[in-house]
C-alpha cells in the first residue's frame, strides 16, 4: 500500500513540477469548480463534505448522484 501511495500520488505531486516537458497528471481546482464539472457531466445532485483542513488545502469529499 505504501508503495502505491508513494508512486501513484506523492512522487507525481512532489516531483511532477520539476520536468516541464512531462504531461500533468495532477490538477488543482477549487471545490466549486469540481462540483460544477460534475453537474455539467449530468449529475443532478453533488454533495460535498469537508474531510480535513490540511496545511496545503482543505481536503473534500464529493458525492455525485
PDB file of N, CA and C in Angstrom:
ATOM      1  N   UNK A   1       0.828  -1.196   0.000  1.00  0.00           N
ATOM      2  CA  UNK A   1       0.000   0.000   0.000  1.00  0.00           C
ATOM      3  C   UNK A   1       0.868   1.255   0.000  1.00  0.00           C
ATOM      4  N   UNK A   2       1.866   1.284   0.858  1.00  0.00           N
ATOM      5  CA  UNK A   2       2.717   2.479   0.946  1.00  0.00           C
ATOM      6  C   UNK A   2       3.396   2.772  -0.385  1.00  0.00           C
ATOM      7  N   UNK A   3       3.795   1.713  -1.104  1.00  0.00           N
ATOM      8  CA  UNK A   3       4.463   1.920  -2.382  1.00  0.00           C
ATOM      9  C   UNK A   3       3.499   2.565  -3.386  1.00  0.00           C
ATOM     10  N   UNK A   4       2.239   2.124  -3.387  1.00  0.00           N
ATOM     11  CA  UNK A   4       1.260   2.709  -4.297  1.00  0.00           C
ATOM     12  C   UNK A   4       1.033   4.181  -3.980  1.00  0.00           C
ATOM     13  N   UNK A   5       0.986   4.505  -2.694  1.00  0.00           N
ATOM     14  CA  UNK A   5       0.792   5.904  -2.315  1.00  0.00           C
ATOM     15  C   UNK A   5       1.977   6.734  -2.787  1.00  0.00           C
ATOM     16  N   UNK A   6       3.178   6.239  -2.548  1.00  0.00           N
ATOM     17  CA  UNK A   6       4.371   6.988  -2.947  1.00  0.00           C
ATOM     18  C   UNK A   6       4.466   7.125  -4.454  1.00  0.00           C
ATOM     19  N   UNK A   7       4.281   6.032  -5.190  1.00  0.00           N
ATOM     20  CA  UNK A   7       4.448   6.063  -6.642  1.00  0.00           C
ATOM     21  C   UNK A   7       3.255   6.679  -7.356  1.00  0.00           C
ATOM     22  N   UNK A   8       2.050   6.480  -6.831  1.00  0.00           N
ATOM     23  CA  UNK A   8       0.867   6.936  -7.527  1.00  0.00           C
ATOM     24  C   UNK A   8       0.385   8.313  -7.127  1.00  0.00           C
ATOM     25  N   UNK A   9       0.894   8.832  -6.015  1.00  0.00           N
ATOM     26  CA  UNK A   9       0.424  10.146  -5.578  1.00  0.00           C
ATOM     27  C   UNK A   9       1.567  11.063  -5.192  1.00  0.00           C
ATOM     28  N   UNK A  10       2.347  10.672  -4.213  1.00  0.00           N
ATOM     29  CA  UNK A  10       3.377  11.576  -3.699  1.00  0.00           C
ATOM     30  C   UNK A  10       4.442  11.929  -4.731  1.00  0.00           C
ATOM     31  N   UNK A  11       4.941  10.943  -5.449  1.00  0.00           N
ATOM     32  CA  UNK A  11       6.003  11.230  -6.421  1.00  0.00           C
ATOM     33  C   UNK A  11       5.522  12.183  -7.512  1.00  0.00           C
ATOM     34  N   UNK A  12       4.362  11.930  -8.149  1.00  0.00           N
ATOM     35  CA  UNK A  12       3.922  12.893  -9.164  1.00  0.00           C
ATOM     36  C   UNK A  12       3.662  14.283  -8.597  1.00  0.00           C
ATOM     37  N   UNK A  13       3.119  14.340  -7.401  1.00  0.00           N
ATOM     38  CA  UNK A  13       2.822  15.642  -6.811  1.00  0.00           C
ATOM     39  C   UNK A  13       4.104  16.370  -6.451  1.00  0.00           C
ATOM     40  N   UNK A  14       5.020  15.673  -5.806  1.00  0.00           N
ATOM     41  CA  UNK A  14       6.244  16.324  -5.352  1.00  0.00           C
ATOM     42  C   UNK A  14       7.232  16.618  -6.480  1.00  0.00           C
ATOM     43  N   UNK A  15       7.329  15.713  -7.458  1.00  0.00           N
ATOM     44  CA  UNK A  15       8.345  15.867  -8.486  1.00  0.00           C
ATOM     45  C   UNK A  15       7.777  16.168  -9.868  1.00  0.00           C
ATOM     46  N   UNK A  16       6.468  16.193 -10.004  1.00  0.00           N
ATOM     47  CA  UNK A  16       5.859  16.457 -11.297  1.00  0.00           C
ATOM     48  C   UNK A  16       6.125  17.857 -11.808  1.00  0.00           C
ATOM     49  N   UNK A  17       6.478  18.745 -10.916  1.00  0.00           N
ATOM     50  CA  UNK A  17       6.728  20.129 -11.314  1.00  0.00           C
ATOM     51  C   UNK A  17       8.143  20.340 -11.816  1.00  0.00           C
ATOM     52  N   UNK A  18       9.040  19.372 -11.606  1.00  0.00           N
ATOM     53  CA  UNK A  18      10.448  19.533 -11.964  1.00  0.00           C
ATOM     54  C   UNK A  18      10.653  19.438 -13.471  1.00  0.00           C
ATOM     55  N   UNK A  19      10.026  18.451 -14.112  1.00  0.00           N
ATOM     56  CA  UNK A  19      10.182  18.234 -15.549  1.00  0.00           C
ATOM     57  C   UNK A  19       9.095  18.994 -16.297  1.00  0.00           C
ATOM     58  N   UNK A  20       9.468  20.113 -16.879  1.00  0.00           N
ATOM     59  CA  UNK A  20       8.482  20.950 -17.569  1.00  0.00           C
ATOM     60  C   UNK A  20       7.905  20.271 -18.815  1.00  0.00           C
ATOM     61  N   UNK A  21       8.569  19.266 -19.342  1.00  0.00           N
ATOM     62  CA  UNK A  21       8.083  18.572 -20.526  1.00  0.00           C
ATOM     63  C   UNK A  21       7.123  17.437 -20.212  1.00  0.00           C
ATOM     64  N   UNK A  22       6.997  17.091 -18.941  1.00  0.00           N
ATOM     65  CA  UNK A  22       6.132  15.973 -18.548  1.00  0.00           C
ATOM     66  C   UNK A  22       4.666  16.376 -18.615  1.00  0.00           C
ATOM     67  N   UNK A  23       3.824  15.420 -18.985  1.00  0.00           N
ATOM     68  CA  UNK A  23       2.379  15.649 -19.013  1.00  0.00           C
ATOM     69  C   UNK A  23       1.860  15.683 -17.584  1.00  0.00           C
ATOM     70  N   UNK A  24       1.046  16.679 -17.286  1.00  0.00           N
ATOM     71  CA  UNK A  24       0.479  16.794 -15.931  1.00  0.00           C
ATOM     72  C   UNK A  24      -0.447  15.628 -15.651  1.00  0.00           C
ATOM     73  N   UNK A  25      -0.351  15.076 -14.466  1.00  0.00           N
ATOM     74  CA  UNK A  25      -1.259  14.014 -14.028  1.00  0.00           C
ATOM     75  C   UNK A  25      -2.070  14.464 -12.825  1.00  0.00           C
ATOM     76  N   UNK A  26      -1.750  15.602 -12.278  1.00  0.00           N
ATOM     77  CA  UNK A  26      -2.484  16.129 -11.132  1.00  0.00           C
ATOM     78  C   UNK A  26      -2.981  17.526 -11.475  1.00  0.00           C
ATOM     79  N   UNK A  27      -4.168  17.830 -11.031  1.00  0.00           N
ATOM     80  CA  UNK A  27      -4.753  19.138 -11.300  1.00  0.00           C
ATOM     81  C   UNK A  27      -5.406  19.659 -10.033  1.00  0.00           C
ATOM     82  N   UNK A  28      -5.240  20.928  -9.783  1.00  0.00           N
ATOM     83  CA  UNK A  28      -5.830  21.535  -8.604  1.00  0.00           C
ATOM     84  C   UNK A  28      -6.898  22.526  -9.049  1.00  0.00           C
ATOM     85  N   UNK A  29      -8.087  22.361  -8.499  1.00  0.00           N
ATOM     86  CA  UNK A  29      -9.204  23.246  -8.788  1.00  0.00           C
ATOM     87  C   UNK A  29      -9.909  23.566  -7.483  1.00  0.00           C
ATOM     88  N   UNK A  30     -10.538  24.712  -7.394  1.00  0.00           N
ATOM     89  CA  UNK A  30     -11.390  24.976  -6.228  1.00  0.00           C
ATOM     90  C   UNK A  30     -12.543  23.974  -6.198  1.00  0.00           C
ATOM     91  N   UNK A  31     -13.042  23.683  -5.012  1.00  0.00           N
ATOM     92  CA  UNK A  31     -14.114  22.706  -4.848  1.00  0.00           C
ATOM     93  C   UNK A  31     -15.339  23.071  -5.678  1.00  0.00           C
ATOM     94  N   UNK A  32     -15.618  24.352  -5.816  1.00  0.00           N
ATOM     95  CA  UNK A  32     -16.765  24.780  -6.621  1.00  0.00           C
ATOM     96  C   UNK A  32     -16.609  24.375  -8.086  1.00  0.00           C
ATOM     97  N   UNK A  33     -15.371  24.431  -8.603  1.00  0.00           N
ATOM     98  CA  UNK A  33     -15.123  24.021  -9.990  1.00  0.00           C
ATOM     99  C   UNK A  33     -15.359  22.523 -10.177  1.00  0.00           C
ATOM    100  N   UNK A  34     -14.896  21.713  -9.215  1.00  0.00           N
ATOM    101  CA  UNK A  34     -15.119  20.263  -9.295  1.00  0.00           C
ATOM    102  C   UNK A  34     -16.614  19.961  -9.280  1.00  0.00           C
ATOM    103  N   UNK A  35     -17.349  20.614  -8.386  1.00  0.00           N
ATOM    104  CA  UNK A  35     -18.793  20.385  -8.294  1.00  0.00           C
ATOM    105  C   UNK A  35     -19.484  20.793  -9.597  1.00  0.00           C
ATOM    106  N   UNK A  36     -19.075  21.910 -10.174  1.00  0.00           N
ATOM    107  CA  UNK A  36     -19.662  22.370 -11.432  1.00  0.00           C
ATOM    108  C   UNK A  36     -19.381  21.385 -12.565  1.00  0.00           C
ATOM    109  N   UNK A  37     -18.180  20.828 -12.608  1.00  0.00           N
ATOM    110  CA  UNK A  37     -17.848  19.855 -13.648  1.00  0.00           C
ATOM    111  C   UNK A  37     -18.695  18.595 -13.511  1.00  0.00           C
ATOM    112  N   UNK A  38     -18.967  18.181 -12.288  1.00  0.00           N
ATOM    113  CA  UNK A  38     -19.832  17.013 -12.088  1.00  0.00           C
ATOM    114  C   UNK A  38     -21.255  17.299 -12.551  1.00  0.00           C
ATOM    115  N   UNK A  39     -21.748  18.506 -12.255  1.00  0.00           N
ATOM    116  CA  UNK A  39     -23.089  18.879 -12.723  1.00  0.00           C
ATOM    117  C   UNK A  39     -23.136  18.930 -14.250  1.00  0.00           C
ATOM    118  N   UNK A  40     -22.094  19.476 -14.862  1.00  0.00           N
ATOM    119  CA  UNK A  40     -22.022  19.530 -16.328  1.00  0.00           C
ATOM    120  C   UNK A  40     -21.979  18.129 -16.935  1.00  0.00           C
ATOM    121  N   UNK A  41     -21.449  17.174 -16.187  1.00  0.00           N
ATOM    122  CA  UNK A  41     -21.374  15.785 -16.663  1.00  0.00           C
ATOM    123  C   UNK A  41     -22.708  15.063 -16.526  1.00  0.00           C
ATOM    124  N   UNK A  42     -23.698  15.734 -15.914  1.00  0.00           N
ATOM    125  CA  UNK A  42     -25.024  15.148 -15.844  1.00  0.00           C
ATOM    126  C   UNK A  42     -25.497  14.725 -14.465  1.00  0.00           C
ATOM    127  N   UNK A  43     -24.683  14.924 -13.457  1.00  0.00           N
ATOM    128  CA  UNK A  43     -25.100  14.566 -12.103  1.00  0.00           C
ATOM    129  C   UNK A  43     -26.021  15.661 -11.560  1.00  0.00           C
ATOM    130  N   UNK A  44     -27.186  15.258 -11.089  1.00  0.00           N
ATOM    131  CA  UNK A  44     -28.180  16.234 -10.621  1.00  0.00           C
ATOM    132  C   UNK A  44     -27.878  16.732  -9.211  1.00  0.00           C
ATOM    133  N   UNK A  45     -27.294  15.875  -8.401  1.00  0.00           N
ATOM    134  CA  UNK A  45     -27.013  16.263  -7.019  1.00  0.00           C
ATOM    135  C   UNK A  45     -25.543  16.032  -6.710  1.00  0.00           C
ATOM    136  N   UNK A  46     -24.890  17.057  -6.205  1.00  0.00           N
ATOM    137  CA  UNK A  46     -23.485  16.958  -5.817  1.00  0.00           C
ATOM    138  C   UNK A  46     -23.373  17.443  -4.374  1.00  0.00           C
ATOM    139  N   UNK A  47     -23.044  16.510  -3.490  1.00  0.00           N
ATOM    140  CA  UNK A  47     -22.861  16.842  -2.076  1.00  0.00           C
ATOM    141  C   UNK A  47     -21.376  16.920  -1.776  1.00  0.00           C
ATOM    142  N   UNK A  48     -21.015  17.848  -0.925  1.00  0.00           N
ATOM    143  CA  UNK A  48     -19.613  17.977  -0.534  1.00  0.00           C
ATOM    144  C   UNK A  48     -19.492  17.901   0.978  1.00  0.00           C
ATOM    145  N   UNK A  49     -18.375  17.325   1.404  1.00  0.00           N
ATOM    146  CA  UNK A  49     -18.118  17.198   2.839  1.00  0.00           C
ATOM    147  C   UNK A  49     -16.644  17.482   3.105  1.00  0.00           C
ATOM    148  N   UNK A  50     -16.389  18.392   4.023  1.00  0.00           N
ATOM    149  CA  UNK A  50     -15.014  18.697   4.408  1.00  0.00           C
ATOM    150  C   UNK A  50     -14.468  17.528   5.213  1.00  0.00           C
ATOM    151  N   UNK A  51     -13.364  16.969   4.780  1.00  0.00           N
ATOM    152  CA  UNK A  51     -12.758  15.838   5.475  1.00  0.00           C
ATOM    153  C   UNK A  51     -11.736  16.324   6.492  1.00  0.00           C
ATOM    154  N   UNK A  52     -10.837  17.214   6.048  1.00  0.00           N
ATOM    155  CA  UNK A  52      -9.764  17.670   6.939  1.00  0.00           C
ATOM    156  C   UNK A  52      -9.136  18.941   6.370  1.00  0.00           C
ATOM    157  N   UNK A  53      -8.784  19.830   7.235  1.00  0.00           N
ATOM    158  CA  UNK A  53      -8.049  21.033   6.816  1.00  0.00           C
ATOM    159  C   UNK A  53      -6.553  20.740   6.918  1.00  0.00           C
ATOM    160  N   UNK A  54      -5.938  20.492   5.764  1.00  0.00           N
ATOM    161  CA  UNK A  54      -4.511  20.178   5.739  1.00  0.00           C
ATOM    162  C   UNK A  54      -3.697  21.457   5.610  1.00  0.00           C
ATOM    163  N   UNK A  55      -2.391  21.347   5.713  1.00  0.00           N
ATOM    164  CA  UNK A  55      -1.525  22.519   5.582  1.00  0.00           C
ATOM    165  C   UNK A  55      -1.547  23.041   4.161  1.00  0.00           C
ATOM    166  N   UNK A  56      -1.814  22.160   3.202  1.00  0.00           N
ATOM    167  CA  UNK A  56      -1.788  22.540   1.797  1.00  0.00           C
ATOM    168  C   UNK A  56      -3.096  23.192   1.377  1.00  0.00           C
ATOM    169  N   UNK A  57      -4.180  22.492   1.605  1.00  0.00           N
ATOM    170  CA  UNK A  57      -5.511  22.970   1.244  1.00  0.00           C
ATOM    171  C   UNK A  57      -6.537  22.044   1.905  1.00  0.00           C
ATOM    172  N   UNK A  58      -7.742  22.505   2.091  1.00  0.00           N
ATOM    173  CA  UNK A  58      -8.753  21.631   2.694  1.00  0.00           C
ATOM    174  C   UNK A  58      -9.000  20.397   1.816  1.00  0.00           C
ATOM    175  N   UNK A  59      -9.180  19.247   2.461  1.00  0.00           N
ATOM    176  CA  UNK A  59      -9.491  18.005   1.755  1.00  0.00           C
ATOM    177  C   UNK A  59     -11.004  17.816   1.760  1.00  0.00           C
ATOM    178  N   UNK A  60     -11.564  17.620   0.591  1.00  0.00           N
ATOM    179  CA  UNK A  60     -13.021  17.484   0.437  1.00  0.00           C
ATOM    180  C   UNK A  60     -13.377  16.119  -0.128  1.00  0.00           C
ATOM    181  N   UNK A  61     -14.572  15.669   0.169  1.00  0.00           N
ATOM    182  CA  UNK A  61     -15.152  14.504  -0.476  1.00  0.00           C
ATOM    183  C   UNK A  61     -16.398  14.987  -1.222  1.00  0.00           C
ATOM    184  N   UNK A  62     -16.486  14.610  -2.488  1.00  0.00           N
ATOM    185  CA  UNK A  62     -17.672  14.926  -3.286  1.00  0.00           C
ATOM    186  C   UNK A  62     -18.413  13.633  -3.562  1.00  0.00           C
ATOM    187  N   UNK A  63     -19.726  13.670  -3.394  1.00  0.00           N
ATOM    188  CA  UNK A  63     -20.575  12.528  -3.745  1.00  0.00           C
ATOM    189  C   UNK A  63     -21.573  13.038  -4.784  1.00  0.00           C
ATOM    190  N   UNK A  64     -21.541  12.431  -5.961  1.00  0.00           N
ATOM    191  CA  UNK A  64     -22.411  12.882  -7.046  1.00  0.00           C
ATOM    192  C   UNK A  64     -23.424  11.791  -7.380  1.00  0.00           C
ATOM    193  N   UNK A  65     -24.685  12.237  -7.557  1.00  0.00           N
ATOM    194  CA  UNK A  65     -25.762  11.295  -7.903  1.00  0.00           C
ATOM    195  C   UNK A  65     -26.522  11.832  -9.082  1.00  0.00           C
TER     196      UNK A  65
END
